[in-house]
Amino acid sequence: MKVDYIIVGLGLAGLAFVEELIAAKKSFIVFEDNSQTSSLVAYGAYNPVILKRFTPVWNAEKQLEIALPFYKRLEKRLQQQFQIEFKIRKAFKSIEDQNNWFEASDKPMLSKFMNPKIINESINGVIADFGFGELKNTGRIDTKKLVTSYRSYLEKEEKIIFEKFEYDCLSLGDNSVSYKDIEANRAVFCEGFGIKQNPYFKYLPLNEAKGELLTIHAPELDIDFLLKSTLFVSPLGDNNYKVGATFNWTDKTSDPSEEGKAELIEKLKKVINVPYTIVDHTAGIRPTVAGRRPLIGIHPVHAQLIVLNGLGTRGVMIGPTVAKNLFNHLEKGEVLDIETDIKRFS
């Protein structure tokens, strides 16, 4: 088999790059072994404001301009809904929080996303003694549904192989790669934290941050927005809510833990005060990078080997943008964003 590209890994990063290949009528084959779960368990919220400090997310406006139409196109092709629009409310803990909100909402980069008015609304079950700040133009992508549907789509097109990629079987030519009976011009690795086992890119400073989430059933809690406080609580319908998330830098497994559950339960006491039952508990490993910038680019020695990784907690926003930049770099000579280019580590 001869193709233009071999893609290793089909989470959000791999999916976004494959879409660029399809649009350009490039041939490809994907390898996916289901070992990385971050895209499947991620909540998938898109929010252009860092609510801890009331500052703009890096490059957020450009990312949303590319990402939202990207998901709309996928919805149309796959005939499913992935995007859910809703507002986000930040529960204030003090007068200082309110003042910081006022100050931030007056800045040009944030004013289009932040409602400058404090919402002093009493909502049953929600602890918010100092009111809320409200964000607009926000929502989430159902990443599990998206990735699962997309893998099925590629399977029907016979463009995905569900097996572990064996690095020892990869041979490098002068301007090509071969893997078993497949020849390709390039191989693009979109493996999440699995890249730590990749002999060509394991030198990159990718960190693994385990995140755990709960799904709760709370009949007395009735909110139609994502509530951000000590953690987030977001409606799923039928009185079910997603609650998260933890950050664990030492546990490298994707298994839900009792410690993670206990942490979420303890934090939830400070956010809601109505009874609930836990109906699900999931975990995944986020691929993160110091400085919160992805790892994009060409191997320093083998130009036919490419990496697209480290999207982090805002993968649904940044994925389509960096995938497009990478494709245009490889095929059209466009300059890679200096903040994401892996040359910064060479």
C-alpha atoms as a PDB file:
ATOM      1  CA  MET A   1       0.000   0.000   0.000  1.00  0.00           C
ATOM      2  CA  LYS A   2       1.264   3.482  -0.881  1.00  0.00           C
ATOM      3  CA  VAL A   3      -0.131   6.550   0.904  1.00  0.00           C
ATOM      4  CA  ASP A   4       0.882  10.135   1.485  1.00  0.00           C
ATOM      5  CA  TYR A   5       0.656   9.945   5.278  1.00  0.00           C
ATOM      6  CA  ILE A   6       0.678   7.442   8.130  1.00  0.00           C
ATOM      7  CA  ILE A   7      -1.115   8.841  11.188  1.00  0.00           C
ATOM      8  CA  VAL A   8      -0.466   7.274  14.580  1.00  0.00           C
ATOM      9  CA  GLY A   9      -3.240   8.013  17.071  1.00  0.00           C
ATOM     10  CA  LEU A  10      -6.773   9.247  16.511  1.00  0.00           C
ATOM     11  CA  GLY A  11      -7.814  11.525  19.331  1.00  0.00           C
ATOM     12  CA  LEU A  12      -8.619  15.181  18.763  1.00  0.00           C
ATOM     13  CA  ALA A  13      -5.175  15.944  17.315  1.00  0.00           C
ATOM     14  CA  GLY A  14      -5.127  13.074  14.844  1.00  0.00           C
ATOM     15  CA  LEU A  15      -8.729  13.703  13.860  1.00  0.00           C
ATOM     16  CA  ALA A  16      -8.057  17.374  13.103  1.00  0.00           C
ATOM     17  CA  PHE A  17      -5.025  16.533  10.967  1.00  0.00           C
ATOM     18  CA  VAL A  18      -6.903  13.827   9.064  1.00  0.00           C
ATOM     19  CA  GLU A  19      -9.540  16.428   8.202  1.00  0.00           C
ATOM     20  CA  GLU A  20      -6.840  18.559   6.591  1.00  0.00           C
ATOM     21  CA  LEU A  21      -5.689  15.541   4.561  1.00  0.00           C
ATOM     22  CA  ILE A  22      -9.216  14.784   3.403  1.00  0.00           C
ATOM     23  CA  ALA A  23      -9.807  18.393   2.351  1.00  0.00           C
ATOM     24  CA  ALA A  24      -6.590  18.315   0.308  1.00  0.00           C
ATOM     25  CA  LYS A  25      -7.376  14.879  -1.164  1.00  0.00           C
ATOM     26  CA  LYS A  26      -4.275  13.343   0.372  1.00  0.00           C
ATOM     27  CA  SER A  27      -4.164   9.576   0.968  1.00  0.00           C
ATOM     28  CA  PHE A  28      -3.556   8.223   4.464  1.00  0.00           C
ATOM     29  CA  ILE A  29      -3.908   5.348   6.881  1.00  0.00           C
ATOM     30  CA  VAL A  30      -4.446   5.709  10.638  1.00  0.00           C
ATOM     31  CA  PHE A  31      -3.221   3.414  13.408  1.00  0.00           C
ATOM     32  CA  GLU A  32      -5.177   3.495  16.672  1.00  0.00           C
ATOM     33  CA  ASP A  33      -4.838   1.045  19.580  1.00  0.00           C
ATOM     34  CA  ASN A  34      -7.236   2.664  22.091  1.00  0.00           C
ATOM     35  CA  SER A  35      -4.437   3.010  24.646  1.00  0.00           C
ATOM     36  CA  GLN A  36      -4.920   6.759  25.156  1.00  0.00           C
ATOM     37  CA  THR A  37      -8.251   7.887  26.599  1.00  0.00           C
ATOM     38  CA  SER A  38      -7.856  11.638  27.152  1.00  0.00           C
ATOM     39  CA  SER A  39      -9.994  12.640  24.141  1.00  0.00           C
ATOM     40  CA  LEU A  40     -12.643  10.084  25.082  1.00  0.00           C
ATOM     41  CA  VAL A  41     -13.078  11.189  28.707  1.00  0.00           C
ATOM     42  CA  ALA A  42     -12.409  14.924  28.272  1.00  0.00           C
ATOM     43  CA  TYR A  43     -15.384  17.178  28.952  1.00  0.00           C
ATOM     44  CA  GLY A  44     -14.559  19.255  25.876  1.00  0.00           C
ATOM     45  CA  ALA A  45     -15.527  22.743  27.052  1.00  0.00           C
ATOM     46  CA  TYR A  46     -14.475  25.704  24.963  1.00  0.00           C
ATOM     47  CA  ASN A  47     -13.973  28.879  26.921  1.00  0.00           C
ATOM     48  CA  PRO A  48     -11.750  31.789  25.837  1.00  0.00           C
ATOM     49  CA  VAL A  49     -11.195  33.116  29.382  1.00  0.00           C
ATOM     50  CA  ILE A  50      -8.961  31.676  32.112  1.00  0.00           C
ATOM     51  CA  LEU A  51     -11.334  31.989  35.055  1.00  0.00           C
ATOM     52  CA  LYS A  52      -8.693  31.543  37.707  1.00  0.00           C
ATOM     53  CA  ARG A  53      -7.077  34.864  36.751  1.00  0.00           C
ATOM     54  CA  PHE A  54      -9.666  36.453  34.408  1.00  0.00           C
ATOM     55  CA  THR A  55      -7.173  36.572  31.545  1.00  0.00           C
ATOM     56  CA  PRO A  56      -7.596  35.612  27.869  1.00  0.00           C
ATOM     57  CA  VAL A  57      -6.674  32.150  26.662  1.00  0.00           C
ATOM     58  CA  TRP A  58      -3.711  32.232  24.290  1.00  0.00           C
ATOM     59  CA  ASN A  59      -4.831  32.906  20.718  1.00  0.00           C
ATOM     60  CA  ALA A  60      -8.435  32.128  21.724  1.00  0.00           C
ATOM     61  CA  GLU A  61     -10.287  34.304  19.218  1.00  0.00           C
ATOM     62  CA  LYS A  62      -8.433  32.870  16.217  1.00  0.00           C
ATOM     63  CA  GLN A  63      -8.849  29.342  17.550  1.00  0.00           C
ATOM     64  CA  LEU A  64     -12.618  29.706  17.891  1.00  0.00           C
ATOM     65  CA  GLU A  65     -12.917  31.222  14.420  1.00  0.00           C
ATOM     66  CA  ILE A  66     -11.408  28.002  13.035  1.00  0.00           C
ATOM     67  CA  ALA A  67     -12.702  25.436  15.528  1.00  0.00           C
ATOM     68  CA  LEU A  68     -16.440  26.173  15.613  1.00  0.00           C
ATOM     69  CA  PRO A  69     -16.983  25.935  11.826  1.00  0.00           C
ATOM     70  CA  PHE A  70     -14.738  22.835  11.865  1.00  0.00           C
ATOM     71  CA  TYR A  71     -17.097  21.002  14.240  1.00  0.00           C
ATOM     72  CA  LYS A  72     -20.155  22.215  12.324  1.00  0.00           C
ATOM     73  CA  ARG A  73     -18.754  20.622   9.159  1.00  0.00           C
ATOM     74  CA  LEU A  74     -18.201  17.350  10.992  1.00  0.00           C
ATOM     75  CA  GLU A  75     -21.748  17.426  12.341  1.00  0.00           C
ATOM     76  CA  LYS A  76     -23.085  17.839   8.819  1.00  0.00           C
ATOM     77  CA  ARG A  77     -20.963  15.059   7.328  1.00  0.00           C
ATOM     78  CA  LEU A  78     -21.471  12.539  10.125  1.00  0.00           C
ATOM     79  CA  GLN A  79     -25.104  13.631  10.660  1.00  0.00           C
ATOM     80  CA  GLN A  80     -24.719  13.912  14.423  1.00  0.00           C
ATOM     81  CA  GLN A  81     -24.618  16.723  16.957  1.00  0.00           C
ATOM     82  CA  PHE A  82     -21.338  17.264  18.775  1.00  0.00           C
ATOM     83  CA  GLN A  83     -21.531  20.925  19.783  1.00  0.00           C
ATOM     84  CA  ILE A  84     -23.629  22.066  22.743  1.00  0.00           C
ATOM     85  CA  GLU A  85     -23.788  25.810  23.336  1.00  0.00           C
ATOM     86  CA  PHE A  86     -24.286  27.149  26.853  1.00  0.00           C
ATOM     87  CA  LYS A  87     -23.170  29.961  29.080  1.00  0.00           C
ATOM     88  CA  ILE A  88     -20.578  29.643  31.814  1.00  0.00           C
ATOM     89  CA  ARG A  89     -21.022  31.262  35.198  1.00  0.00           C
ATOM     90  CA  LYS A  90     -18.177  31.853  37.615  1.00  0.00           C
ATOM     91  CA  ALA A  91     -19.256  31.786  41.274  1.00  0.00           C
ATOM     92  CA  PHE A  92     -17.482  34.590  43.112  1.00  0.00           C
ATOM     93  CA  LYS A  93     -15.923  33.950  46.510  1.00  0.00           C
ATOM     94  CA  SER A  94     -15.317  37.579  47.532  1.00  0.00           C
ATOM     95  CA  ILE A  95     -15.739  41.255  46.718  1.00  0.00           C
ATOM     96  CA  GLU A  96     -12.219  41.108  45.320  1.00  0.00           C
ATOM     97  CA  ASP A  97     -13.400  38.522  42.782  1.00  0.00           C
ATOM     98  CA  GLN A  98     -16.152  40.906  41.711  1.00  0.00           C
ATOM     99  CA  ASN A  99     -13.741  43.812  41.318  1.00  0.00           C
ATOM    100  CA  ASN A 100     -11.308  41.712  39.299  1.00  0.00           C
ATOM    101  CA  TRP A 101     -14.185  40.667  37.034  1.00  0.00           C
ATOM    102  CA  PHE A 102     -15.193  44.295  36.432  1.00  0.00           C
ATOM    103  CA  GLU A 103     -11.632  45.221  35.570  1.00  0.00           C
ATOM    104  CA  ALA A 104     -11.113  42.273  33.211  1.00  0.00           C
ATOM    105  CA  SER A 105     -14.442  42.654  31.391  1.00  0.00           C
ATOM    106  CA  ASP A 106     -13.460  46.182  30.368  1.00  0.00           C
ATOM    107  CA  LYS A 107     -10.421  44.971  28.406  1.00  0.00           C
ATOM    108  CA  PRO A 108     -10.880  44.824  24.594  1.00  0.00           C
ATOM    109  CA  MET A 109      -9.708  41.191  24.292  1.00  0.00           C
ATOM    110  CA  LEU A 110     -12.219  40.028  26.908  1.00  0.00           C
ATOM    111  CA  SER A 111     -15.225  42.337  26.570  1.00  0.00           C
ATOM    112  CA  LYS A 112     -16.849  40.270  23.807  1.00  0.00           C
ATOM    113  CA  PHE A 113     -16.855  37.194  26.057  1.00  0.00           C
ATOM    114  CA  MET A 114     -17.537  38.629  29.533  1.00  0.00           C
ATOM    115  CA  ASN A 115     -20.818  40.119  30.749  1.00  0.00           C
ATOM    116  CA  PRO A 116     -19.710  43.119  32.837  1.00  0.00           C
ATOM    117  CA  LYS A 117     -22.734  42.903  35.162  1.00  0.00           C
ATOM    118  CA  ILE A 118     -22.685  40.859  38.349  1.00  0.00           C
ATOM    119  CA  ILE A 119     -25.552  38.363  38.426  1.00  0.00           C
ATOM    120  CA  ASN A 120     -26.968  38.358  41.959  1.00  0.00           C
ATOM    121  CA  GLU A 121     -29.341  35.470  41.463  1.00  0.00           C
ATOM    122  CA  SER A 122     -30.155  32.899  44.122  1.00  0.00           C
ATOM    123  CA  ILE A 123     -30.149  29.430  42.562  1.00  0.00           C
ATOM    124  CA  ASN A 124     -31.349  26.450  44.549  1.00  0.00           C
ATOM    125  CA  GLY A 125     -28.481  24.175  45.472  1.00  0.00           C
ATOM    126  CA  VAL A 126     -25.679  26.480  44.295  1.00  0.00           C
ATOM    127  CA  ILE A 127     -23.291  28.132  46.753  1.00  0.00           C
ATOM    128  CA  ALA A 128     -22.561  31.629  45.426  1.00  0.00           C
ATOM    129  CA  ASP A 129     -22.725  34.210  48.231  1.00  0.00           C
ATOM    130  CA  PHE A 130     -21.139  36.929  46.091  1.00  0.00           C
ATOM    131  CA  GLY A 131     -23.017  36.285  42.859  1.00  0.00           C
ATOM    132  CA  PHE A 132     -21.794  35.208  39.440  1.00  0.00           C
ATOM    133  CA  GLY A 133     -19.887  36.490  36.462  1.00  0.00           C
ATOM    134  CA  GLU A 134     -21.212  35.202  33.149  1.00  0.00           C
ATOM    135  CA  LEU A 135     -19.348  34.273  29.972  1.00  0.00           C
ATOM    136  CA  LYS A 136     -20.924  34.124  26.531  1.00  0.00           C
ATOM    137  CA  ASN A 137     -19.972  32.455  23.235  1.00  0.00           C
ATOM    138  CA  THR A 138     -19.021  29.308  25.137  1.00  0.00           C
ATOM    139  CA  GLY A 139     -20.052  25.643  25.158  1.00  0.00           C
ATOM    140  CA  ARG A 140     -18.651  22.167  24.756  1.00  0.00           C
ATOM    141  CA  ILE A 141     -17.881  19.504  22.195  1.00  0.00           C
ATOM    142  CA  ASP A 142     -18.974  15.960  23.044  1.00  0.00           C
ATOM    143  CA  THR A 143     -15.503  14.563  22.464  1.00  0.00           C
ATOM    144  CA  LYS A 144     -16.350  10.932  23.209  1.00  0.00           C
ATOM    145  CA  LYS A 145     -19.201  10.954  20.706  1.00  0.00           C
ATOM    146  CA  LEU A 146     -17.091  12.820  18.151  1.00  0.00           C
ATOM    147  CA  VAL A 147     -14.005  10.596  18.330  1.00  0.00           C
ATOM    148  CA  THR A 148     -16.046   7.375  18.464  1.00  0.00           C
ATOM    149  CA  SER A 149     -18.151   8.439  15.477  1.00  0.00           C
ATOM    150  CA  TYR A 150     -15.094   9.529  13.516  1.00  0.00           C
ATOM    151  CA  ARG A 151     -13.296   6.252  14.110  1.00  0.00           C
ATOM    152  CA  SER A 152     -16.372   4.401  12.820  1.00  0.00           C
ATOM    153  CA  TYR A 153     -16.439   6.677   9.783  1.00  0.00           C
ATOM    154  CA  LEU A 154     -12.794   5.905   8.972  1.00  0.00           C
ATOM    155  CA  GLU A 155     -13.382   2.202   9.578  1.00  0.00           C
ATOM    156  CA  LYS A 156     -16.136   2.175   6.933  1.00  0.00           C
ATOM    157  CA  GLU A 157     -13.740   3.964   4.578  1.00  0.00           C
ATOM    158  CA  GLU A 158     -11.040   1.354   5.384  1.00  0.00           C
ATOM    159  CA  LYS A 159      -8.645   4.093   6.460  1.00  0.00           C
ATOM    160  CA  ILE A 160      -7.973   3.021  10.048  1.00  0.00           C
ATOM    161  CA  ILE A 161      -6.240  -0.017  11.513  1.00  0.00           C
ATOM    162  CA  PHE A 162      -6.976  -0.862  15.136  1.00  0.00           C
ATOM    163  CA  GLU A 163      -3.665  -2.195  16.364  1.00  0.00           C
ATOM    164  CA  LYS A 164      -0.606  -1.050  18.271  1.00  0.00           C
ATOM    165  CA  PHE A 165       1.982   0.768  16.187  1.00  0.00           C
ATOM    166  CA  GLU A 166       5.331  -1.053  16.449  1.00  0.00           C
ATOM    167  CA  TYR A 167       8.189   1.414  16.182  1.00  0.00           C
ATOM    168  CA  ASP A 168      10.679  -1.359  15.395  1.00  0.00           C
ATOM    169  CA  CYS A 169       8.804  -2.013  12.149  1.00  0.00           C
ATOM    170  CA  LEU A 170       9.250   1.563  10.935  1.00  0.00           C
ATOM    171  CA  SER A 171      11.995   2.050   8.319  1.00  0.00           C
ATOM    172  CA  LEU A 172      13.213   5.429   7.161  1.00  0.00           C
ATOM    173  CA  GLY A 173      14.207   6.238   3.589  1.00  0.00           C
ATOM    174  CA  ASP A 174      15.722   9.458   2.347  1.00  0.00           C
ATOM    175  CA  ASN A 175      12.342  11.109   1.803  1.00  0.00           C
ATOM    176  CA  SER A 176       9.892   8.423   2.875  1.00  0.00           C
ATOM    177  CA  VAL A 177       8.914   5.918   5.524  1.00  0.00           C
ATOM    178  CA  SER A 178       7.778   2.323   5.332  1.00  0.00           C
ATOM    179  CA  TYR A 179       5.853   0.362   7.912  1.00  0.00           C
ATOM    180  CA  LYS A 180       5.319  -3.331   7.272  1.00  0.00           C
ATOM    181  CA  ASP A 181       3.642  -3.341   3.824  1.00  0.00           C
ATOM    182  CA  ILE A 182       2.826   0.399   3.832  1.00  0.00           C
ATOM    183  CA  GLU A 183       4.915   3.091   2.164  1.00  0.00           C
ATOM    184  CA  ALA A 184       4.318   6.757   2.915  1.00  0.00           C
ATOM    185  CA  ASN A 185       5.883  10.151   2.423  1.00  0.00           C
ATOM    186  CA  ARG A 186       5.518  11.068   6.095  1.00  0.00           C
ATOM    187  CA  ALA A 187       4.425   9.679   9.462  1.00  0.00           C
ATOM    188  CA  VAL A 188       2.609  11.970  11.892  1.00  0.00           C
ATOM    189  CA  PHE A 189       2.514  10.980  15.563  1.00  0.00           C
ATOM    190  CA  CYS A 190      -0.567  12.129  17.486  1.00  0.00           C
ATOM    191  CA  GLU A 191      -0.257   9.726  20.409  1.00  0.00           C
ATOM    192  CA  GLY A 192      -1.011  11.812  23.468  1.00  0.00           C
ATOM    193  CA  PHE A 193       1.114  10.806  26.419  1.00  0.00           C
ATOM    194  CA  GLY A 194       1.912   7.570  24.568  1.00  0.00           C
ATOM    195  CA  ILE A 195       4.637   9.587  22.875  1.00  0.00           C
ATOM    196  CA  LYS A 196       6.768   8.912  25.952  1.00  0.00           C
ATOM    197  CA  GLN A 197       7.355   5.460  24.411  1.00  0.00           C
ATOM    198  CA  ASN A 198       8.147   6.860  20.963  1.00  0.00           C
ATOM    199  CA  PRO A 199      11.912   6.526  20.315  1.00  0.00           C
ATOM    200  CA  TYR A 200      11.905   9.517  17.967  1.00  0.00           C
ATOM    201  CA  PHE A 201      10.014  12.040  20.060  1.00  0.00           C
ATOM    202  CA  LYS A 202      10.301  10.896  23.676  1.00  0.00           C
ATOM    203  CA  TYR A 203      12.912  13.627  24.232  1.00  0.00           C
ATOM    204  CA  LEU A 204      10.174  16.260  24.147  1.00  0.00           C
ATOM    205  CA  PRO A 205       9.116  17.603  27.579  1.00  0.00           C
ATOM    206  CA  LEU A 206       5.598  16.197  27.655  1.00  0.00           C
ATOM    207  CA  ASN A 207       4.075  15.801  31.104  1.00  0.00           C
ATOM    208  CA  GLU A 208       1.230  13.495  32.076  1.00  0.00           C
ATOM    209  CA  ALA A 209      -1.540  15.007  34.191  1.00  0.00           C
ATOM    210  CA  LYS A 210      -4.201  12.542  35.234  1.00  0.00           C
ATOM    211  CA  GLY A 211      -7.689  13.972  35.407  1.00  0.00           C
ATOM    212  CA  GLU A 212     -10.756  12.383  36.995  1.00  0.00           C
ATOM    213  CA  LEU A 213     -14.424  13.247  36.474  1.00  0.00           C
ATOM    214  CA  LEU A 214     -17.688  12.291  38.121  1.00  0.00           C
ATOM    215  CA  THR A 215     -21.163  12.136  36.678  1.00  0.00           C
ATOM    216  CA  ILE A 216     -23.781  12.838  39.345  1.00  0.00           C
ATOM    217  CA  HIS A 217     -27.564  12.698  39.448  1.00  0.00           C
ATOM    218  CA  ALA A 218     -28.958  15.680  41.388  1.00  0.00           C
ATOM    219  CA  PRO A 219     -32.771  16.074  40.986  1.00  0.00           C
ATOM    220  CA  GLU A 220     -32.902  19.237  43.130  1.00  0.00           C
ATOM    221  CA  LEU A 221     -30.177  21.009  41.156  1.00  0.00           C
ATOM    222  CA  ASP A 222     -31.580  22.817  38.137  1.00  0.00           C
ATOM    223  CA  ILE A 223     -28.966  24.761  36.176  1.00  0.00           C
ATOM    224  CA  ASP A 224     -28.672  25.196  32.420  1.00  0.00           C
ATOM    225  CA  PHE A 225     -25.146  26.640  32.462  1.00  0.00           C
ATOM    226  CA  LEU A 226     -21.680  25.388  33.332  1.00  0.00           C
ATOM    227  CA  LEU A 227     -20.967  26.391  36.920  1.00  0.00           C
ATOM    228  CA  LYS A 228     -17.302  27.167  37.620  1.00  0.00           C
ATOM    229  CA  SER A 229     -16.187  27.361  41.213  1.00  0.00           C
ATOM    230  CA  THR A 230     -13.726  25.182  43.111  1.00  0.00           C
ATOM    231  CA  LEU A 231     -14.447  22.748  40.297  1.00  0.00           C
ATOM    232  CA  PHE A 232     -16.929  22.743  37.420  1.00  0.00           C
ATOM    233  CA  VAL A 233     -20.464  21.353  37.362  1.00  0.00           C
ATOM    234  CA  SER A 234     -22.103  21.117  33.965  1.00  0.00           C
ATOM    235  CA  PRO A 235     -25.555  19.840  32.926  1.00  0.00           C
ATOM    236  CA  LEU A 236     -25.892  16.713  30.801  1.00  0.00           C
ATOM    237  CA  GLY A 237     -29.701  16.502  30.838  1.00  0.00           C
ATOM    238  CA  ASP A 238     -32.148  14.457  32.921  1.00  0.00           C
ATOM    239  CA  ASN A 239     -30.754  15.994  36.133  1.00  0.00           C
ATOM    240  CA  ASN A 240     -27.316  14.533  35.420  1.00  0.00           C
ATOM    241  CA  TYR A 241     -24.191  16.683  35.751  1.00  0.00           C
ATOM    242  CA  LYS A 242     -20.522  16.276  34.910  1.00  0.00           C
ATOM    243  CA  VAL A 243     -18.189  17.269  37.764  1.00  0.00           C
ATOM    244  CA  GLY A 244     -14.460  17.811  37.499  1.00  0.00           C
ATOM    245  CA  ALA A 245     -11.674  17.743  37.363  1.00  0.00           C
ATOM    246  CA  THR A 246      -8.616  16.645  39.302  1.00  0.00           C
ATOM    247  CA  PHE A 247      -4.949  17.128  38.403  1.00  0.00           C
ATOM    248  CA  ASN A 248      -2.623  14.331  39.473  1.00  0.00           C
ATOM    249  CA  TRP A 249       1.002  14.495  38.333  1.00  0.00           C
ATOM    250  CA  THR A 250       2.198  11.223  39.890  1.00  0.00           C
ATOM    251  CA  ASP A 251      -0.426   8.593  39.014  1.00  0.00           C
ATOM    252  CA  LYS A 252       0.215   7.601  35.381  1.00  0.00           C
ATOM    253  CA  THR A 253      -2.704   5.162  35.042  1.00  0.00           C
ATOM    254  CA  SER A 254      -6.038   5.839  33.337  1.00  0.00           C
ATOM    255  CA  ASP A 255      -7.948   4.033  36.069  1.00  0.00           C
ATOM    256  CA  PRO A 256     -10.402   5.945  38.280  1.00  0.00           C
ATOM    257  CA  SER A 257      -9.112   6.104  41.858  1.00  0.00           C
ATOM    258  CA  GLU A 258     -10.736   6.362  45.265  1.00  0.00           C
ATOM    259  CA  GLU A 259      -8.412   9.270  46.032  1.00  0.00           C
ATOM    260  CA  GLY A 260      -9.638  11.154  42.988  1.00  0.00           C
ATOM    261  CA  LYS A 261     -13.254  10.487  43.853  1.00  0.00           C
ATOM    262  CA  ALA A 262     -12.726  11.651  47.428  1.00  0.00           C
ATOM    263  CA  GLU A 263     -11.072  14.878  46.218  1.00  0.00           C
ATOM    264  CA  LEU A 264     -13.980  15.660  43.912  1.00  0.00           C
ATOM    265  CA  ILE A 265     -16.560  14.918  46.607  1.00  0.00           C
ATOM    266  CA  GLU A 266     -14.775  17.167  49.102  1.00  0.00           C
ATOM    267  CA  LYS A 267     -14.556  20.057  46.622  1.00  0.00           C
ATOM    268  CA  LEU A 268     -18.171  19.590  45.565  1.00  0.00           C
ATOM    269  CA  LYS A 269     -19.262  20.340  49.143  1.00  0.00           C
ATOM    270  CA  LYS A 270     -18.124  23.933  48.554  1.00  0.00           C
ATOM    271  CA  VAL A 271     -20.069  24.262  45.297  1.00  0.00           C
ATOM    272  CA  ILE A 272     -23.523  22.695  45.770  1.00  0.00           C
ATOM    273  CA  ASN A 273     -25.610  21.882  48.833  1.00  0.00           C
ATOM    274  CA  VAL A 274     -28.265  19.493  47.515  1.00  0.00           C
ATOM    275  CA  PRO A 275     -28.202  15.684  47.644  1.00  0.00           C
ATOM    276  CA  TYR A 276     -26.833  13.709  44.728  1.00  0.00           C
ATOM    277  CA  THR A 277     -25.767  10.216  43.719  1.00  0.00           C
ATOM    278  CA  ILE A 278     -22.659   9.291  41.741  1.00  0.00           C
ATOM    279  CA  VAL A 279     -23.562   7.449  38.550  1.00  0.00           C
ATOM    280  CA  ASP A 280     -20.165   7.343  36.813  1.00  0.00           C
ATOM    281  CA  HIS A 281     -16.474   7.925  37.489  1.00  0.00           C
ATOM    282  CA  THR A 282     -13.904   8.228  34.690  1.00  0.00           C
ATOM    283  CA  ALA A 283     -10.231   9.106  34.331  1.00  0.00           C
ATOM    284  CA  GLY A 284      -7.735   9.936  31.616  1.00  0.00           C
ATOM    285  CA  ILE A 285      -4.217  11.232  31.116  1.00  0.00           C
ATOM    286  CA  ARG A 286      -3.840  14.721  29.687  1.00  0.00           C
ATOM    287  CA  PRO A 287      -0.723  15.361  27.594  1.00  0.00           C
ATOM    288  CA  THR A 288       0.523  18.729  28.857  1.00  0.00           C
ATOM    289  CA  VAL A 289       3.541  20.907  28.181  1.00  0.00           C
ATOM    290  CA  ALA A 290       5.199  23.572  30.309  1.00  0.00           C
ATOM    291  CA  GLY A 291       3.989  26.927  29.088  1.00  0.00           C
ATOM    292  CA  ARG A 292       0.707  25.346  27.870  1.00  0.00           C
ATOM    293  CA  ARG A 293       1.778  25.319  24.234  1.00  0.00           C
ATOM    294  CA  PRO A 294       1.450  22.198  22.055  1.00  0.00           C
ATOM    295  CA  LEU A 295       4.282  20.215  20.514  1.00  0.00           C
ATOM    296  CA  ILE A 296       4.124  20.671  16.750  1.00  0.00           C
ATOM    297  CA  GLY A 297       6.750  20.128  14.105  1.00  0.00           C
ATOM    298  CA  ILE A 298       9.341  18.101  12.267  1.00  0.00           C
ATOM    299  CA  HIS A 299      11.923  15.786  13.811  1.00  0.00           C
ATOM    300  CA  PRO A 300      15.322  17.564  13.923  1.00  0.00           C
ATOM    301  CA  VAL A 301      17.071  14.742  12.010  1.00  0.00           C
ATOM    302  CA  HIS A 302      14.352  12.796  10.178  1.00  0.00           C
ATOM    303  CA  ALA A 303      12.262  15.284   8.206  1.00  0.00           C
ATOM    304  CA  GLN A 304       9.670  12.664   7.286  1.00  0.00           C
ATOM    305  CA  LEU A 305       8.681  12.209  10.959  1.00  0.00           C
ATOM    306  CA  ILE A 306       6.212  14.699  12.398  1.00  0.00           C
ATOM    307  CA  VAL A 307       4.668  15.309  15.803  1.00  0.00           C
ATOM    308  CA  LEU A 308       1.273  16.820  16.677  1.00  0.00           C
ATOM    309  CA  ASN A 309       0.755  16.531  20.398  1.00  0.00           C
ATOM    310  CA  GLY A 310       0.330  18.217  23.782  1.00  0.00           C
ATOM    311  CA  LEU A 311      -3.009  19.939  23.140  1.00  0.00           C
ATOM    312  CA  GLY A 312      -3.746  19.894  26.884  1.00  0.00           C
ATOM    313  CA  THR A 313      -7.019  20.846  28.536  1.00  0.00           C
ATOM    314  CA  ARG A 314      -8.171  23.128  25.700  1.00  0.00           C
ATOM    315  CA  GLY A 315      -7.749  20.609  22.909  1.00  0.00           C
ATOM    316  CA  VAL A 316     -11.161  21.218  21.341  1.00  0.00           C
ATOM    317  CA  MET A 317     -10.217  24.860  20.802  1.00  0.00           C
ATOM    318  CA  ILE A 318      -6.618  24.577  19.716  1.00  0.00           C
ATOM    319  CA  GLY A 319      -6.655  21.270  17.799  1.00  0.00           C
ATOM    320  CA  PRO A 320      -8.103  22.455  14.466  1.00  0.00           C
ATOM    321  CA  THR A 321      -5.875  25.552  14.422  1.00  0.00           C
ATOM    322  CA  VAL A 322      -2.559  23.800  15.001  1.00  0.00           C
ATOM    323  CA  ALA A 323      -3.476  20.928  12.671  1.00  0.00           C
ATOM    324  CA  LYS A 324      -4.150  23.419   9.875  1.00  0.00           C
ATOM    325  CA  ASN A 325      -0.900  25.268  10.588  1.00  0.00           C
ATOM    326  CA  LEU A 326       1.050  22.001  10.546  1.00  0.00           C
ATOM    327  CA  PHE A 327      -0.510  20.789   7.288  1.00  0.00           C
ATOM    328  CA  ASN A 328       0.123  24.129   5.592  1.00  0.00           C
ATOM    329  CA  HIS A 329       3.686  24.057   6.875  1.00  0.00           C
ATOM    330  CA  LEU A 330       4.322  20.600   5.404  1.00  0.00           C
ATOM    331  CA  GLU A 331       2.513  21.091   2.118  1.00  0.00           C
ATOM    332  CA  LYS A 332       2.677  24.831   1.429  1.00  0.00           C
ATOM    333  CA  GLY A 333       5.713  26.077   3.309  1.00  0.00           C
ATOM    334  CA  GLU A 334       3.738  28.114   5.835  1.00  0.00           C
ATOM    335  CA  VAL A 335       5.791  29.053   8.891  1.00  0.00           C
ATOM    336  CA  LEU A 336       4.917  27.162  12.061  1.00  0.00           C
ATOM    337  CA  ASP A 337       3.807  29.249  15.010  1.00  0.00           C
ATOM    338  CA  ILE A 338       7.026  29.852  16.919  1.00  0.00           C
ATOM    339  CA  GLU A 339       5.246  29.221  20.228  1.00  0.00           C
ATOM    340  CA  THR A 340       4.259  25.677  19.232  1.00  0.00           C
ATOM    341  CA  ASP A 341       7.216  24.632  17.061  1.00  0.00           C
ATOM    342  CA  ILE A 342       9.275  21.875  18.708  1.00  0.00           C
ATOM    343  CA  LYS A 343      12.417  23.697  17.566  1.00  0.00           C
ATOM    344  CA  ARG A 344      12.085  25.653  20.788  1.00  0.00           C
ATOM    345  CA  PHE A 345      13.406  22.558  22.559  1.00  0.00           C
ATOM    346  CA  SER A 346      16.329  21.827  20.262  1.00  0.00           C
END
